[in-house]
């Protein structure tokens, strides 16, 4: 938690909010880097000898399996309006520049209730309706003030990925004196090929407002080998 968290994010409008001197908790909210839940697991397993048959053991045993599993909650964000100061109109009901301070920045009021947990399909298509979910702060043209949305109260999509590896060392018969070993290894990044979406656009003036326009890496497989002696 912070009293002055960053109200933007990497792919959209970013402005640092500072606590008002007479009300230090006015902008208190989750820090922009907060992740409520984080889970990580790293594990390896060596397949033991399965039978007394040398050929079967050579083929099936002594393989080493490994995995890294990472799961995280999404980071928080604030919806902002980067319009310059002007009164709301029929075509632009959100107006802009709510503090009338010459900065093209404002925090509109949120009229909905859903602040996270959107599906990946919703995140790709857009999770907000700009004109029904948000409105300009009431009376800001008379008394400048921000909306009642709250700071960093929305949550971006979460992150989940499984990486895996399999490896085994084979003795090389032609270099017995050097005790040479051929190491075969295969690796998979994002084994399940899950679409890990990037942060949602948080500027009401962006064409990607409420949408995720970026994503993490897809499944990537590689295999390699080396001789050790």
Protein backbone atom coordinates (compact mmCIF):
# COMPACT_ATOMS: atom_id res chain seq x y z
CA UNK A 1 0.00 0.00 0.00
CA UNK A 2 1.11 3.57 -0.69
CA UNK A 3 -0.24 7.04 -0.05
CA UNK A 4 1.00 8.20 -3.45
CA UNK A 5 1.04 5.26 -5.84
CA UNK A 6 1.75 5.58 -9.53
CA UNK A 7 -1.60 5.91 -11.29
CA UNK A 8 -0.43 4.71 -14.70
CA UNK A 9 1.37 1.78 -16.28
CA UNK A 10 3.84 1.04 -19.01
CA UNK A 11 1.45 0.86 -21.97
CA UNK A 12 -0.69 3.93 -21.26
CA UNK A 13 -1.03 7.22 -19.39
CA UNK A 14 1.35 7.42 -16.42
CA UNK A 15 1.27 10.14 -13.77
CA UNK A 16 2.57 10.14 -10.21
CA UNK A 17 -0.02 11.24 -7.66
CA UNK A 18 1.16 12.95 -4.50
CA UNK A 19 -0.74 12.98 -1.24
CA UNK A 20 -2.69 16.18 -0.55
CA UNK A 21 -1.05 17.98 2.37
CA UNK A 22 -4.25 18.32 4.41
CA UNK A 23 -5.44 14.75 3.68
CA UNK A 24 -2.42 12.47 3.41
CA UNK A 25 -4.55 9.38 2.79
CA UNK A 26 -6.55 10.90 -0.07
CA UNK A 27 -4.67 8.87 -2.66
CA UNK A 28 -3.95 5.81 -0.54
CA UNK A 29 -4.23 2.54 -2.43
CA UNK A 30 -2.38 -0.50 -3.67
CA UNK A 31 1.10 0.11 -5.02
CA UNK A 32 1.39 -0.28 -8.80
CA UNK A 33 3.79 -3.23 -8.38
CA UNK A 34 1.57 -5.11 -5.90
CA UNK A 35 0.70 -8.74 -6.58
CA UNK A 36 -1.73 -10.10 -4.01
CA UNK A 37 -0.90 -13.76 -4.63
CA UNK A 38 2.38 -15.19 -5.89
CA UNK A 39 3.19 -18.90 -6.19
CA UNK A 40 6.42 -20.45 -7.45
CA UNK A 41 7.45 -24.10 -7.55
CA UNK A 42 10.70 -25.59 -8.82
CA UNK A 43 11.06 -29.38 -8.80
CA UNK A 44 13.23 -32.12 -10.28
CA UNK A 45 12.79 -35.90 -10.38
CA UNK A 46 15.32 -38.55 -11.33
CA UNK A 47 13.70 -41.69 -12.76
CA UNK A 48 15.19 -44.68 -10.89
CA UNK A 49 16.10 -48.08 -12.32
CA UNK A 50 12.87 -49.84 -13.18
CA UNK A 51 14.01 -53.42 -13.85
CA UNK A 52 17.11 -55.60 -13.83
CA UNK A 53 17.16 -55.59 -17.60
CA UNK A 54 20.17 -53.51 -18.66
CA UNK A 55 18.71 -52.48 -22.00
CA UNK A 56 15.43 -51.26 -20.48
CA UNK A 57 17.23 -49.39 -17.73
CA UNK A 58 19.51 -47.76 -20.28
CA UNK A 59 16.51 -46.54 -22.25
CA UNK A 60 14.07 -45.57 -19.50
CA UNK A 61 15.92 -44.87 -16.25
CA UNK A 62 18.24 -42.05 -15.20
CA UNK A 63 16.19 -39.41 -17.01
CA UNK A 64 15.91 -36.18 -15.06
CA UNK A 65 12.60 -34.33 -15.25
CA UNK A 66 12.33 -30.73 -14.14
CA UNK A 67 9.66 -28.06 -13.95
CA UNK A 68 9.16 -24.47 -12.83
CA UNK A 69 5.59 -23.33 -12.19
CA UNK A 70 4.81 -19.66 -11.68
CA UNK A 71 1.39 -18.15 -10.88
CA UNK A 72 0.73 -14.50 -9.96
CA UNK A 73 -2.19 -12.17 -9.45
CA UNK A 74 -2.45 -9.22 -11.81
CA UNK A 75 -1.03 -5.82 -10.93
CA UNK A 76 -3.39 -2.94 -9.98
CA UNK A 77 -4.12 0.09 -12.13
CA UNK A 78 -6.17 3.30 -12.19
CA UNK A 79 -8.33 4.43 -15.09
CA UNK A 80 -7.32 7.94 -16.15
CA UNK A 81 -8.52 10.54 -18.64
CA UNK A 82 -5.74 12.35 -20.54
CA UNK A 83 -8.01 15.01 -22.03
CA UNK A 84 -7.22 18.68 -21.43
CA UNK A 85 -9.55 20.79 -19.29
CA UNK A 86 -13.02 21.24 -20.76
CA UNK A 87 -16.62 20.77 -19.73
CA UNK A 88 -18.47 17.58 -20.63
CA UNK A 89 -20.38 17.63 -23.91
CA UNK A 90 -22.91 15.30 -25.49
CA UNK A 91 -20.21 13.76 -27.68
CA UNK A 92 -17.56 13.76 -24.92
CA UNK A 93 -19.38 13.32 -21.58
CA UNK A 94 -16.16 12.66 -19.64
CA UNK A 95 -14.74 16.16 -20.17
CA UNK A 96 -11.16 16.49 -18.99
CA UNK A 97 -8.52 18.17 -16.84
CA UNK A 98 -10.58 17.89 -13.67
CA UNK A 99 -8.10 19.78 -11.48
CA UNK A 100 -7.93 22.74 -13.91
CA UNK A 101 -4.16 22.85 -13.37
CA UNK A 102 -3.04 22.83 -16.99
CA UNK A 103 -2.15 19.14 -16.94
CA UNK A 104 -3.89 16.80 -19.34
CA UNK A 105 -4.78 14.33 -16.64
CA UNK A 106 -7.82 13.40 -14.60
CA UNK A 107 -9.40 10.51 -12.71
CA UNK A 108 -13.03 9.90 -13.70
CA UNK A 109 -15.66 8.48 -11.37
CA UNK A 110 -16.34 4.74 -11.71
CA UNK A 111 -20.03 3.78 -11.71
CA UNK A 112 -19.65 0.02 -11.95
CA UNK A 113 -18.73 -2.71 -9.50
CA UNK A 114 -16.50 -5.15 -11.40
CA UNK A 115 -12.82 -4.35 -10.75
CA UNK A 116 -10.99 -7.52 -11.74
CA UNK A 117 -11.19 -11.22 -12.45
CA UNK A 118 -12.02 -10.74 -16.13
CA UNK A 119 -11.60 -13.64 -18.52
CA UNK A 120 -8.93 -13.52 -21.19
CA UNK A 121 -11.62 -13.18 -23.86
CA UNK A 122 -13.03 -10.13 -22.04
CA UNK A 123 -9.52 -8.68 -21.66
CA UNK A 124 -8.91 -9.01 -25.39
CA UNK A 125 -12.27 -7.52 -26.38
CA UNK A 126 -12.50 -4.80 -23.72
CA UNK A 127 -13.73 -4.89 -20.12
CA UNK A 128 -15.25 -1.39 -19.86
CA UNK A 129 -17.97 0.66 -21.48
CA UNK A 130 -16.39 4.09 -21.53
CA UNK A 131 -19.56 6.16 -21.26
CA UNK A 132 -21.68 4.03 -18.92
CA UNK A 133 -19.00 2.75 -16.55
CA UNK A 134 -17.34 6.16 -16.07
CA UNK A 135 -18.44 9.76 -15.67
CA UNK A 136 -16.83 13.14 -15.04
CA UNK A 137 -16.64 14.27 -11.39
CA UNK A 138 -19.83 16.13 -10.52
CA UNK A 139 -19.28 19.90 -10.43
CA UNK A 140 -15.57 19.82 -11.29
CA UNK A 141 -15.91 22.93 -13.49
CA UNK A 142 -17.01 24.90 -10.42
CA UNK A 143 -14.82 23.24 -7.79
CA UNK A 144 -11.90 21.34 -9.36
CA UNK A 145 -11.51 17.82 -7.98
CA UNK A 146 -10.85 14.26 -9.10
CA UNK A 147 -13.47 11.52 -9.38
CA UNK A 148 -14.32 9.03 -6.65
CA UNK A 149 -12.87 6.04 -8.46
CA UNK A 150 -10.10 5.25 -5.99
CA UNK A 151 -6.44 4.72 -6.78
CA UNK A 152 -5.19 1.44 -8.29
CA UNK A 153 -8.49 -0.26 -7.53
CA UNK A 154 -8.64 -2.32 -10.75
CA UNK A 155 -6.64 -5.48 -11.46
CA UNK A 156 -4.88 -6.56 -14.64
CA UNK A 157 -5.04 -10.17 -15.85
CA UNK A 158 -2.99 -12.67 -13.86
CA UNK A 159 -0.02 -14.74 -14.99
CA UNK A 160 0.43 -18.51 -15.09
CA UNK A 161 3.16 -20.47 -16.83
CA UNK A 162 4.69 -23.95 -16.64
CA UNK A 163 8.22 -24.54 -17.91
CA UNK A 164 9.61 -28.06 -18.21
CA UNK A 165 12.83 -29.88 -19.00
CA UNK A 166 14.05 -33.45 -19.55
CA UNK A 167 17.66 -34.55 -19.69
CA UNK A 168 19.85 -37.61 -19.54
CA UNK A 169 23.54 -38.46 -19.76
CA UNK A 170 24.71 -41.34 -21.97
CA UNK A 171 28.15 -42.90 -21.66
CA UNK A 172 30.11 -42.67 -24.91
CA UNK A 173 31.77 -46.07 -25.59
CA UNK A 174 34.48 -44.68 -27.88
CA UNK A 175 36.09 -42.55 -25.16
CA UNK A 176 36.15 -44.91 -22.17
CA UNK A 177 39.51 -43.64 -20.91
CA UNK A 178 38.25 -40.05 -20.90
CA UNK A 179 34.93 -41.19 -19.33
CA UNK A 180 33.02 -39.19 -21.92
CA UNK A 181 29.30 -38.57 -21.53
CA UNK A 182 26.81 -37.32 -24.08
CA UNK A 183 24.21 -35.09 -22.37
CA UNK A 184 20.86 -34.84 -24.15
CA UNK A 185 18.48 -32.13 -22.97
CA UNK A 186 15.07 -30.85 -24.05
CA UNK A 187 13.34 -27.73 -22.71
CA UNK A 188 9.85 -26.27 -23.02
CA UNK A 189 8.96 -22.69 -22.09
CA UNK A 190 5.24 -22.07 -21.51
CA UNK A 191 4.56 -25.76 -21.95
CA UNK A 192 0.77 -25.30 -21.97
CA UNK A 193 1.01 -22.45 -24.51
CA UNK A 194 -1.18 -20.29 -22.26
CA UNK A 195 -1.97 -16.76 -23.45
CA UNK A 196 -0.62 -14.54 -20.66
CA UNK A 197 -2.06 -11.14 -21.52
CA UNK A 198 -0.34 -7.85 -20.77
CA UNK A 199 -1.87 -4.95 -18.80
CA UNK A 200 -5.14 -3.37 -19.86
CA UNK A 201 -5.15 0.07 -21.45
CA UNK A 202 -6.02 2.49 -18.64
CA UNK A 203 -6.50 5.76 -20.60
CA UNK A 204 -10.07 6.51 -21.70
CA UNK A 205 -8.62 8.29 -24.77
CA UNK A 206 -6.68 5.25 -25.96
CA UNK A 207 -7.98 3.05 -28.75
CA UNK A 208 -7.00 0.13 -26.50
CA UNK A 209 -8.88 1.40 -23.45
CA UNK A 210 -9.89 -1.56 -21.28
CA UNK A 211 -8.15 -3.98 -23.64
CA UNK A 212 -4.93 -5.96 -23.46
CA UNK A 213 -2.86 -5.24 -26.57
CA UNK A 214 0.23 -7.20 -25.54
CA UNK A 215 1.00 -10.73 -24.41
CA UNK A 216 3.73 -12.98 -23.08
CA UNK A 217 5.78 -15.44 -25.09
CA UNK A 218 4.07 -18.52 -26.65
CA UNK A 219 5.25 -22.11 -26.24
CA UNK A 220 8.92 -22.48 -27.15
CA UNK A 221 10.65 -25.85 -27.52
CA UNK A 222 14.35 -26.52 -27.90
CA UNK A 223 16.59 -29.56 -27.80
CA UNK A 224 20.35 -29.73 -27.45
CA UNK A 225 23.23 -31.99 -26.68
CA UNK A 226 26.85 -31.82 -25.63
CA UNK A 227 29.75 -34.16 -24.95
CA UNK A 228 31.46 -33.92 -21.57
CA UNK A 229 34.81 -35.60 -20.91
